[in-house]
Protein backbone atom coordinates (compact mmCIF):
# COMPACT_ATOMS: atom_id res chain seq x y z
CA MET A 1 21.40 -60.98 -14.20
CA SER A 2 23.22 -63.77 -12.31
CA ASP A 3 26.82 -62.18 -12.69
CA SER A 4 26.17 -58.68 -11.46
CA ILE A 5 27.17 -56.32 -8.68
CA ARG A 6 25.39 -53.60 -7.02
CA ILE A 7 26.58 -50.00 -7.30
CA THR A 8 25.12 -46.92 -5.45
CA ILE A 9 25.04 -43.50 -7.40
CA ARG A 10 24.03 -39.89 -6.82
CA LEU A 11 22.20 -37.95 -9.16
CA SER A 12 20.85 -34.51 -9.50
CA ARG A 13 17.00 -34.27 -8.76
CA ASN A 14 16.51 -33.17 -12.35
CA ALA A 15 18.22 -36.19 -13.65
CA ALA A 16 16.27 -38.68 -11.36
CA GLU A 17 13.00 -36.99 -12.29
CA LYS A 18 13.66 -37.44 -16.01
CA MET A 19 14.51 -40.96 -15.55
CA GLU A 20 11.19 -41.54 -13.56
CA GLU A 21 9.41 -39.93 -16.62
CA LEU A 22 10.88 -42.69 -18.80
CA VAL A 23 9.73 -45.23 -16.51
CA LYS A 24 6.11 -43.79 -16.12
CA SER A 25 6.01 -43.39 -19.97
CA GLY A 26 6.54 -47.26 -20.28
CA GLU A 27 9.70 -47.17 -22.08
CA PHE A 28 11.58 -48.88 -19.37
CA LYS A 29 10.27 -51.10 -16.60
CA ASN A 30 12.30 -49.38 -13.61
CA LEU A 31 15.09 -47.03 -12.96
CA SER A 32 17.68 -49.92 -12.79
CA GLU A 33 16.81 -50.68 -16.41
CA VAL A 34 17.18 -46.85 -17.41
CA VAL A 35 20.52 -46.69 -15.61
CA ARG A 36 21.73 -49.98 -17.05
CA THR A 37 20.79 -48.88 -20.54
CA ALA A 38 22.45 -45.61 -20.23
CA ILE A 39 25.70 -47.14 -19.04
CA GLU A 40 25.65 -49.87 -21.61
CA ASN A 41 25.16 -47.19 -24.37
CA PHE A 42 28.15 -45.17 -23.02
CA LEU A 43 30.44 -48.13 -22.82
CA ALA A 44 29.59 -49.33 -26.32
CA GLU A 45 30.41 -45.86 -27.52
CA LYS A 46 33.55 -45.48 -25.52
CA PHE A 47 34.81 -48.98 -26.33
CA ALA A 48 33.76 -49.20 -29.99
CA PRO A 49 36.41 -50.80 -32.40
CA ARG A 50 38.96 -48.42 -33.29
CA ASN A 51 38.04 -48.35 -37.12
CA ILE A 52 34.55 -47.19 -35.87
CA GLU A 53 33.58 -43.88 -34.28
CA LYS A 54 30.00 -43.82 -32.77
CA ILE A 55 28.02 -40.55 -32.89
CA SER A 56 24.75 -39.51 -31.64
CA VAL A 57 22.37 -37.83 -34.03
CA ASP A 58 19.51 -35.56 -33.32
CA LEU A 59 16.85 -36.12 -36.23
CA PRO A 60 13.40 -34.62 -36.84
CA LYS A 61 10.66 -37.19 -35.95
CA SER A 62 9.41 -37.08 -39.54
CA THR A 63 12.99 -38.19 -40.46
CA VAL A 64 12.87 -41.04 -37.94
CA ALA A 65 9.41 -41.97 -39.31
CA MET A 66 10.68 -42.34 -42.78
CA LEU A 67 13.70 -44.30 -41.63
CA ALA A 68 11.30 -46.72 -39.80
CA LYS A 69 9.33 -47.12 -43.00
CA LEU A 70 12.59 -48.45 -44.56
CA VAL A 71 12.87 -50.72 -41.70
CA GLU A 72 9.33 -51.99 -41.96
CA ALA A 73 9.94 -52.47 -45.90
CA GLY A 74 12.95 -54.80 -45.24
CA ASP A 75 15.49 -52.27 -46.69
CA ALA A 76 17.34 -52.03 -43.29
CA VAL A 77 17.65 -54.42 -40.29
CA ASP A 78 16.97 -51.65 -37.53
CA LEU A 79 16.89 -47.87 -37.37
CA ASP A 80 20.73 -47.80 -36.79
CA ASP A 81 21.23 -49.81 -40.18
CA ALA A 82 19.00 -47.33 -41.90
CA ILE A 83 20.68 -44.39 -40.65
CA ARG A 84 24.12 -45.87 -41.62
CA THR A 85 22.78 -46.80 -45.03
CA ALA A 86 21.37 -43.29 -45.69
CA VAL A 87 24.77 -41.53 -44.42
CA ARG A 88 26.79 -43.80 -46.54
CA GLU A 89 24.74 -43.28 -49.64
CA TYR A 90 24.80 -39.51 -49.10
CA VAL A 91 28.63 -39.54 -48.76
CA ARG A 92 29.21 -41.65 -51.93
CA ARG A 93 26.83 -39.27 -54.00
CA GLN A 94 28.82 -36.32 -52.48
CA ILE A 95 32.16 -37.81 -53.41
CA SER A 96 30.84 -38.76 -56.85
CA LEU A 97 29.69 -35.05 -57.45
CA LEU A 98 33.10 -33.77 -56.06
CA ALA A 99 34.97 -36.12 -58.43
CA LYS A 100 32.93 -35.30 -61.45
CA GLU A 101 33.43 -31.46 -60.70
CA ASP A 102 37.24 -32.29 -60.45
CA ILE A 103 37.20 -33.98 -63.51
CA GLU A 104 35.12 -31.29 -65.33
CA LYS A 105 37.62 -28.58 -63.95
CA LYS A 106 40.74 -30.44 -65.26
CA LEU A 107 39.17 -31.16 -68.78
CA HIS A 108 38.33 -27.39 -68.98
CA GLU A 109 41.85 -26.46 -67.74
CA GLU A 110 43.36 -28.74 -70.26
CA LEU A 111 41.18 -27.30 -73.30
CA VAL A 112 42.07 -23.67 -72.22
CA GLU A 113 45.87 -24.65 -72.17
CA GLY A 114 45.25 -26.43 -75.52
CA GLU A 115 43.88 -23.18 -77.07
CA GLY A 116 46.67 -20.94 -75.66
């Protein structure tokens, strides 16, 4: 990190202990990496392009495991891509179902009007 600055922050003991747990688990090399990652994720969310809204989703571990299998199979580049694809396909199916129901309702109304 050649173009960096040093910033000092104060955190609650609870937050610091949780960050230490992340380091001890091996997920991060040190506390600085935890803080950098958290800040980078926060900034990426806050400064997302205007046509994109970033959200955070809590998923059961079993669902994450299924999504990871999609990535392993080459159906998605990474977990984020797998989640985007799953949500997009779900929304498409729901919209198709709603459109179908709307068409069927209109046809039924036209048939009832035609009989009357």
